[in-house]
C-alpha atoms as a PDB file:
ATOM      1  CA  MET A   1      21.039 -10.903  -3.824  1.00  0.00           C
ATOM      2  CA  LYS A   2      20.142  -7.411  -2.465  1.00  0.00           C
ATOM      3  CA  VAL A   3      16.671  -5.998  -2.017  1.00  0.00           C
ATOM      4  CA  ALA A   4      15.269  -2.640  -1.932  1.00  0.00           C
ATOM      5  CA  ILE A   5      11.579  -2.500  -0.483  1.00  0.00           C
ATOM      6  CA  PHE A   6       9.351   0.514  -1.075  1.00  0.00           C
ATOM      7  CA  ASP A   7       6.274   1.482   0.898  1.00  0.00           C
ATOM      8  CA  PHE A   8       3.502   3.271  -1.354  1.00  0.00           C
ATOM      9  CA  ASP A   9       1.368   5.589   0.914  1.00  0.00           C
ATOM     10  CA  GLY A  10       3.450   8.615   2.175  1.00  0.00           C
ATOM     11  CA  THR A  11       6.564   7.210   0.457  1.00  0.00           C
ATOM     12  CA  LEU A  12       6.330   6.503  -3.379  1.00  0.00           C
ATOM     13  CA  TYR A  13       2.925   8.268  -3.425  1.00  0.00           C
ATOM     14  CA  ALA A  14       2.927  11.460  -1.307  1.00  0.00           C
ATOM     15  CA  GLU A  15      -0.775  11.260  -0.390  1.00  0.00           C
ATOM     16  CA  GLU A  16      -3.189   8.707   1.201  1.00  0.00           C
ATOM     17  CA  THR A  17      -4.619   6.137  -1.191  1.00  0.00           C
ATOM     18  CA  PHE A  18      -7.803   5.552   0.790  1.00  0.00           C
ATOM     19  CA  GLN A  19      -8.678   9.259   0.610  1.00  0.00           C
ATOM     20  CA  LEU A  20      -8.399   9.118  -3.315  1.00  0.00           C
ATOM     21  CA  LEU A  21     -10.397   5.953  -3.434  1.00  0.00           C
ATOM     22  CA  MET A  22     -13.395   7.611  -1.448  1.00  0.00           C
ATOM     23  CA  LYS A  23     -13.073  10.751  -3.706  1.00  0.00           C
ATOM     24  CA  HIS A  24     -13.012   8.625  -6.733  1.00  0.00           C
ATOM     25  CA  LEU A  25     -16.134   6.514  -5.842  1.00  0.00           C
ATOM     26  CA  LYS A  26     -17.873   9.735  -4.806  1.00  0.00           C
ATOM     27  CA  HIS A  27     -17.446  11.562  -8.015  1.00  0.00           C
ATOM     28  CA  HIS A  28     -17.497   8.482 -10.348  1.00  0.00           C
ATOM     29  CA  PRO A  29     -19.945   9.136 -13.303  1.00  0.00           C
ATOM     30  CA  GLN A  30     -20.956   5.260 -13.176  1.00  0.00           C
ATOM     31  CA  HIS A  31     -20.537   4.257  -9.656  1.00  0.00           C
ATOM     32  CA  ASN A  32     -21.255   7.329  -7.476  1.00  0.00           C
ATOM     33  CA  SER A  33     -24.648   5.986  -6.569  1.00  0.00           C
ATOM     34  CA  LYS A  34     -22.798   3.453  -4.289  1.00  0.00           C
ATOM     35  CA  TYR A  35     -20.874   6.130  -2.344  1.00  0.00           C
ATOM     36  CA  LYS A  36     -23.756   6.902   0.192  1.00  0.00           C
ATOM     37  CA  SER A  37     -24.308   3.299   1.363  1.00  0.00           C
ATOM     38  CA  PHE A  38     -20.460   2.815   1.717  1.00  0.00           C
ATOM     39  CA  PHE A  39     -20.179   6.038   3.683  1.00  0.00           C
ATOM     40  CA  ARG A  40     -23.172   5.215   5.970  1.00  0.00           C
ATOM     41  CA  LYS A  41     -21.201   1.792   6.593  1.00  0.00           C
ATOM     42  CA  ILE A  42     -17.706   3.234   7.192  1.00  0.00           C
ATOM     43  CA  LEU A  43     -18.716   6.282   9.225  1.00  0.00           C
ATOM     44  CA  PRO A  44     -19.396   4.254  12.545  1.00  0.00           C
ATOM     45  CA  LEU A  45     -16.111   2.520  12.242  1.00  0.00           C
ATOM     46  CA  TYR A  46     -14.287   5.755  11.627  1.00  0.00           C
ATOM     47  CA  ILE A  47     -15.993   7.398  14.711  1.00  0.00           C
ATOM     48  CA  GLY A  48     -14.932   4.308  16.839  1.00  0.00           C
ATOM     49  CA  TYR A  49     -11.344   4.691  15.696  1.00  0.00           C
ATOM     50  CA  LYS A  50     -11.404   8.330  16.647  1.00  0.00           C
ATOM     51  CA  ALA A  51     -12.893   7.522  20.019  1.00  0.00           C
ATOM     52  CA  LYS A  52     -10.062   4.900  20.422  1.00  0.00           C
ATOM     53  CA  VAL A  53     -12.635   2.159  20.622  1.00  0.00           C
ATOM     54  CA  VAL A  54     -11.552   0.508  17.394  1.00  0.00           C
ATOM     55  CA  PRO A  55      -7.799  -0.158  16.764  1.00  0.00           C
ATOM     56  CA  GLU A  56      -6.331   1.366  13.781  1.00  0.00           C
ATOM     57  CA  SER A  57      -5.408  -1.922  12.272  1.00  0.00           C
ATOM     58  CA  THR A  58      -9.104  -3.060  12.611  1.00  0.00           C
ATOM     59  CA  MET A  59     -10.555   0.118  11.213  1.00  0.00           C
ATOM     60  CA  LYS A  60      -8.168  -0.021   8.088  1.00  0.00           C
ATOM     61  CA  GLU A  61      -9.026  -3.800   7.419  1.00  0.00           C
ATOM     62  CA  ARG A  62     -12.818  -3.301   7.589  1.00  0.00           C
ATOM     63  CA  SER A  63     -12.686  -0.024   5.574  1.00  0.00           C
ATOM     64  CA  MET A  64     -11.030  -2.004   2.890  1.00  0.00           C
ATOM     65  CA  GLN A  65     -13.490  -4.750   3.021  1.00  0.00           C
ATOM     66  CA  LEU A  66     -16.361  -2.228   2.907  1.00  0.00           C
ATOM     67  CA  TYR A  67     -14.892  -0.568  -0.117  1.00  0.00           C
ATOM     68  CA  ALA A  68     -14.307  -3.730  -2.063  1.00  0.00           C
ATOM     69  CA  SER A  69     -18.069  -4.656  -1.357  1.00  0.00           C
ATOM     70  CA  ALA A  70     -19.069  -1.518  -2.906  1.00  0.00           C
ATOM     71  CA  LEU A  71     -17.393  -2.511  -6.192  1.00  0.00           C
ATOM     72  CA  GLN A  72     -18.810  -6.010  -5.872  1.00  0.00           C
ATOM     73  CA  SER A  73     -20.769  -5.762  -9.189  1.00  0.00           C
ATOM     74  CA  LEU A  74     -17.312  -5.213 -11.010  1.00  0.00           C
ATOM     75  CA  ASP A  75     -15.461  -8.361 -12.184  1.00  0.00           C
ATOM     76  CA  LYS A  76     -11.483  -8.486 -12.325  1.00  0.00           C
ATOM     77  CA  SER A  77     -11.137  -6.591 -15.540  1.00  0.00           C
ATOM     78  CA  GLY A  78     -13.734  -3.915 -14.500  1.00  0.00           C
ATOM     79  CA  GLN A  79     -12.047  -3.454 -11.068  1.00  0.00           C
ATOM     80  CA  SER A  80      -8.530  -3.181 -13.019  1.00  0.00           C
ATOM     81  CA  ALA A  81     -10.279  -0.355 -15.331  1.00  0.00           C
ATOM     82  CA  TYR A  82     -11.580   1.445 -12.230  1.00  0.00           C
ATOM     83  CA  PHE A  83      -8.374   1.427 -10.596  1.00  0.00           C
ATOM     84  CA  LYS A  84      -6.544   2.388 -13.650  1.00  0.00           C
ATOM     85  CA  GLU A  85      -8.644   5.478 -13.841  1.00  0.00           C
ATOM     86  CA  MET A  86      -6.744   6.833 -10.907  1.00  0.00           C
ATOM     87  CA  LYS A  87      -3.354   6.418 -12.485  1.00  0.00           C
ATOM     88  CA  GLU A  88      -2.854   9.974 -13.691  1.00  0.00           C
ATOM     89  CA  ALA A  89      -3.876  11.456 -10.313  1.00  0.00           C
ATOM     90  CA  MET A  90      -1.604   9.405  -8.343  1.00  0.00           C
ATOM     91  CA  GLN A  91       1.292   9.507 -10.531  1.00  0.00           C
ATOM     92  CA  ALA A  92       1.136  13.317 -10.437  1.00  0.00           C
ATOM     93  CA  ASN A  93       1.813  12.801  -6.760  1.00  0.00           C
ATOM     94  CA  PHE A  94       4.704  10.322  -6.856  1.00  0.00           C
ATOM     95  CA  ASN A  95       7.786  11.437  -4.896  1.00  0.00           C
ATOM     96  CA  LYS A  96      10.485  12.250  -7.583  1.00  0.00           C
ATOM     97  CA  ASP A  97      13.195  11.557  -5.052  1.00  0.00           C
ATOM     98  CA  VAL A  98      11.921   8.063  -4.527  1.00  0.00           C
ATOM     99  CA  ILE A  99      11.507   7.482  -8.137  1.00  0.00           C
ATOM    100  CA  GLU A 100      15.184   8.400  -8.359  1.00  0.00           C
ATOM    101  CA  ARG A 101      16.328   5.838  -5.876  1.00  0.00           C
ATOM    102  CA  ILE A 102      14.177   3.176  -7.626  1.00  0.00           C
ATOM    103  CA  LYS A 103      15.962   3.935 -10.763  1.00  0.00           C
ATOM    104  CA  GLN A 104      19.319   3.905  -8.991  1.00  0.00           C
ATOM    105  CA  HIS A 105      18.685   0.625  -7.590  1.00  0.00           C
ATOM    106  CA  GLU A 106      17.504  -0.815 -10.846  1.00  0.00           C
ATOM    107  CA  LEU A 107      20.835   0.210 -12.441  1.00  0.00           C
ATOM    108  CA  ALA A 108      22.750  -1.466  -9.577  1.00  0.00           C
ATOM    109  CA  GLY A 109      21.039  -4.741 -10.270  1.00  0.00           C
ATOM    110  CA  ILE A 110      18.964  -4.724  -6.987  1.00  0.00           C
ATOM    111  CA  HIS A 111      15.850  -6.540  -6.663  1.00  0.00           C
ATOM    112  CA  ILE A 112      12.943  -4.055  -6.273  1.00  0.00           C
ATOM    113  CA  MET A 113       9.862  -4.568  -4.217  1.00  0.00           C
ATOM    114  CA  LEU A 114       6.596  -2.540  -3.586  1.00  0.00           C
ATOM    115  CA  VAL A 115       5.004  -3.460  -0.349  1.00  0.00           C
ATOM    116  CA  SER A 116       1.685  -1.740   0.485  1.00  0.00           C
ATOM    117  CA  GLY A 117      -1.630  -2.145   2.270  1.00  0.00           C
ATOM    118  CA  ALA A 118      -3.255  -0.718  -0.988  1.00  0.00           C
ATOM    119  CA  TYR A 119      -5.136  -3.085  -3.070  1.00  0.00           C
ATOM    120  CA  THR A 120      -2.715  -5.207  -5.283  1.00  0.00           C
ATOM    121  CA  PRO A 121      -4.662  -4.614  -8.495  1.00  0.00           C
ATOM    122  CA  LEU A 122      -4.493  -0.824  -7.765  1.00  0.00           C
ATOM    123  CA  LEU A 123      -0.731  -0.907  -7.193  1.00  0.00           C
ATOM    124  CA  HIS A 124      -0.223  -2.795 -10.550  1.00  0.00           C
ATOM    125  CA  ALA A 125      -2.427  -0.147 -12.364  1.00  0.00           C
ATOM    126  CA  VAL A 126      -0.954   2.932 -11.187  1.00  0.00           C
ATOM    127  CA  THR A 127       2.891   1.860 -11.263  1.00  0.00           C
ATOM    128  CA  THR A 128       3.104   0.661 -14.798  1.00  0.00           C
ATOM    129  CA  GLY A 129       6.489   1.815 -16.237  1.00  0.00           C
ATOM    130  CA  LEU A 130       8.315   1.511 -12.831  1.00  0.00           C
ATOM    131  CA  PRO A 131      10.765  -1.458 -12.653  1.00  0.00           C
ATOM    132  CA  PHE A 132       9.280  -3.462  -9.611  1.00  0.00           C
ATOM    133  CA  ASN A 133      10.351  -7.172  -9.460  1.00  0.00           C
ATOM    134  CA  ASP A 134       7.438  -7.941  -6.900  1.00  0.00           C
ATOM    135  CA  ILE A 135       4.260  -5.930  -6.084  1.00  0.00           C
ATOM    136  CA  ILE A 136       2.661  -6.953  -2.605  1.00  0.00           C
ATOM    137  CA  GLY A 137      -0.512  -5.536  -1.647  1.00  0.00           C
ATOM    138  CA  THR A 138      -3.839  -6.448  -0.192  1.00  0.00           C
ATOM    139  CA  GLU A 139      -5.487  -9.065  -2.341  1.00  0.00           C
ATOM    140  CA  ILE A 140      -9.062  -8.800  -3.388  1.00  0.00           C
ATOM    141  CA  PRO A 141     -10.781 -12.159  -2.934  1.00  0.00           C
ATOM    142  CA  TYR A 142     -12.854 -13.265  -6.024  1.00  0.00           C
ATOM    143  CA  SER A 143     -15.499 -15.943  -6.084  1.00  0.00           C
ATOM    144  CA  LEU A 144     -15.881 -18.425  -9.250  1.00  0.00           C
ATOM    145  CA  ASP A 145     -17.761 -15.760 -11.355  1.00  0.00           C
ATOM    146  CA  GLY A 146     -14.874 -13.417 -10.993  1.00  0.00           C
ATOM    147  CA  ARG A 147     -16.621 -10.882  -8.684  1.00  0.00           C
ATOM    148  CA  PHE A 148     -15.530  -9.863  -5.125  1.00  0.00           C
ATOM    149  CA  ASP A 149     -16.206 -12.669  -2.603  1.00  0.00           C
ATOM    150  CA  THR A 150     -18.070 -11.026   0.153  1.00  0.00           C
ATOM    151  CA  GLN A 151     -17.968 -14.054   2.269  1.00  0.00           C
ATOM    152  CA  THR A 152     -14.122 -14.024   2.380  1.00  0.00           C
ATOM    153  CA  LYS A 153     -12.386 -11.611   4.831  1.00  0.00           C
ATOM    154  CA  ILE A 154      -9.730  -9.143   3.360  1.00  0.00           C
ATOM    155  CA  TYR A 155      -6.235  -9.797   4.696  1.00  0.00           C
ATOM    156  CA  HIS A 156      -4.928  -6.320   4.978  1.00  0.00           C
ATOM    157  CA  ILE A 157      -1.254  -6.167   4.501  1.00  0.00           C
ATOM    158  CA  GLN A 158       0.053  -3.744   7.286  1.00  0.00           C
ATOM    159  CA  GLY A 159       2.694  -3.828   9.929  1.00  0.00           C
ATOM    160  CA  LYS A 160       4.427  -7.393  10.609  1.00  0.00           C
ATOM    161  CA  ARG A 161       2.241  -8.737   7.907  1.00  0.00           C
ATOM    162  CA  LYS A 162       4.439  -7.012   5.269  1.00  0.00           C
ATOM    163  CA  ASN A 163       7.324  -8.801   6.774  1.00  0.00           C
ATOM    164  CA  GLU A 164       5.486 -11.953   6.517  1.00  0.00           C
ATOM    165  CA  MET A 165       4.644 -11.364   2.708  1.00  0.00           C
ATOM    166  CA  ILE A 166       8.263 -10.176   1.950  1.00  0.00           C
ATOM    167  CA  MET A 167       9.595 -13.565   3.408  1.00  0.00           C
ATOM    168  CA  LYS A 168       7.216 -15.603   1.463  1.00  0.00           C
ATOM    169  CA  ALA A 169       8.059 -13.789  -1.834  1.00  0.00           C
ATOM    170  CA  LEU A 170      11.744 -14.214  -1.227  1.00  0.00           C
ATOM    171  CA  ALA A 171      11.724 -17.752   0.209  1.00  0.00           C
ATOM    172  CA  ASP A 172      13.733 -19.254  -2.433  1.00  0.00           C
ATOM    173  CA  LYS A 173      16.248 -16.469  -2.722  1.00  0.00           C
ATOM    174  CA  GLU A 174      19.503 -15.806  -0.498  1.00  0.00           C
ATOM    175  CA  VAL A 175      19.145 -12.245   0.617  1.00  0.00           C
ATOM    176  CA  ASP A 176      21.975 -10.026   1.764  1.00  0.00           C
ATOM    177  CA  TRP A 177      19.807  -8.064   4.284  1.00  0.00           C
ATOM    178  CA  SER A 178      22.807  -6.041   5.670  1.00  0.00           C
ATOM    179  CA  ASN A 179      23.468  -4.352   2.341  1.00  0.00           C
ATOM    180  CA  SER A 180      19.771  -4.219   1.358  1.00  0.00           C
ATOM    181  CA  PHE A 181      17.161  -1.020   1.627  1.00  0.00           C
ATOM    182  CA  ALA A 182      14.040  -0.264   2.772  1.00  0.00           C
ATOM    183  CA  TYR A 183      11.951   2.971   2.349  1.00  0.00           C
ATOM    184  CA  GLY A 184       8.972   3.941   4.683  1.00  0.00           C
ATOM    185  CA  ASP A 185       7.174   7.000   6.125  1.00  0.00           C
ATOM    186  CA  SER A 186       5.461   5.844   9.170  1.00  0.00           C
ATOM    187  CA  TYR A 187       6.053   4.076  12.581  1.00  0.00           C
ATOM    188  CA  SER A 188       3.924   1.078  11.193  1.00  0.00           C
ATOM    189  CA  ASP A 189       6.720   0.809   8.585  1.00  0.00           C
ATOM    190  CA  LEU A 190       9.336   0.032  11.296  1.00  0.00           C
ATOM    191  CA  PRO A 191       9.245  -3.902  11.093  1.00  0.00           C
ATOM    192  CA  VAL A 192      10.181  -3.429   7.417  1.00  0.00           C
ATOM    193  CA  LEU A 193      12.825  -0.853   8.175  1.00  0.00           C
ATOM    194  CA  GLU A 194      14.458  -2.979  10.621  1.00  0.00           C
ATOM    195  CA  LEU A 195      14.856  -5.882   8.431  1.00  0.00           C
ATOM    196  CA  VAL A 196      17.708  -4.145   6.282  1.00  0.00           C
ATOM    197  CA  GLY A 197      21.113  -2.636   6.999  1.00  0.00           C
ATOM    198  CA  ASN A 198      20.113   0.618   5.049  1.00  0.00           C
ATOM    199  CA  PRO A 199      16.759   1.800   6.224  1.00  0.00           C
ATOM    200  CA  ILE A 200      15.698   5.200   4.855  1.00  0.00           C
ATOM    201  CA  ALA A 201      12.868   7.340   6.460  1.00  0.00           C
ATOM    202  CA  VAL A 202      10.938   9.165   3.752  1.00  0.00           C
ATOM    203  CA  LYS A 203       9.212  12.324   4.899  1.00  0.00           C
ATOM    204  CA  PRO A 204       8.776  10.532   8.122  1.00  0.00           C
ATOM    205  CA  GLU A 205       5.889  11.140  10.794  1.00  0.00           C
ATOM    206  CA  LYS A 206       7.102  12.442  14.121  1.00  0.00           C
ATOM    207  CA  ARG A 207       7.472   8.886  15.899  1.00  0.00           C
ATOM    208  CA  LEU A 208       9.550   7.562  13.004  1.00  0.00           C
ATOM    209  CA  HIS A 209      11.444  10.598  12.663  1.00  0.00           C
ATOM    210  CA  GLN A 210      12.792  10.462  16.177  1.00  0.00           C
ATOM    211  CA  ILE A 211      13.699   6.897  15.787  1.00  0.00           C
ATOM    212  CA  ALA A 212      15.605   7.625  12.546  1.00  0.00           C
ATOM    213  CA  ASN A 213      17.535  10.398  14.304  1.00  0.00           C
ATOM    214  CA  ASP A 214      18.207   8.289  17.417  1.00  0.00           C
ATOM    215  CA  ARG A 215      19.666   5.395  15.081  1.00  0.00           C
ATOM    216  CA  SER A 216      21.344   7.772  12.550  1.00  0.00           C
ATOM    217  CA  TRP A 217      19.218   6.523   9.662  1.00  0.00           C
ATOM    218  CA  GLU A 218      18.971   8.444   6.373  1.00  0.00           C
ATOM    219  CA  VAL A 219      16.107  10.763   6.268  1.00  0.00           C
ATOM    220  CA  LEU A 220      14.901  11.437   2.636  1.00  0.00           C
END
């Protein structure tokens, strides 16, 4: 079996998900009152990251925790509806060339995966209509009442954790890695790109672009 693995931010979605999440909360007709408290909590974290005191991976993971905490009054269905409100705005910024590749892989009978650090329910909400066989994202832990479990730390899917989750999802399948594909835009996508025989850098950042050139990878 061949697989085609797609990143989300900067690859399928041309922008950054977290920026849109912040904007959505800030201007939401029902939940905007939660924004100020969320922003006060996230600001020191961001300043620490910019001052190179807080690692990027830590900053991202804690930011995801804080955002989910801001929505803790919503149950699973409420969160799903909240994320679905962003579908139109996000799909308007989907990379058409990447969507074309997804369709090509579907026609070729290739197993198609979306692997991202974005919240899993958000990925499901905004990619309806696209033929993903697996969608892997950052899970939101829920308590028994169906709301966000503030006592459980979010396990943010990034870097090598993506490979961990990919291997887990494909554990019972025999994968032809040398003839498989992976698409990513940033240096942090390198572990996934190196899994396959056909890595594709999508509008890559500077470091990834240099690696793609050095290794004669396709640049989309």
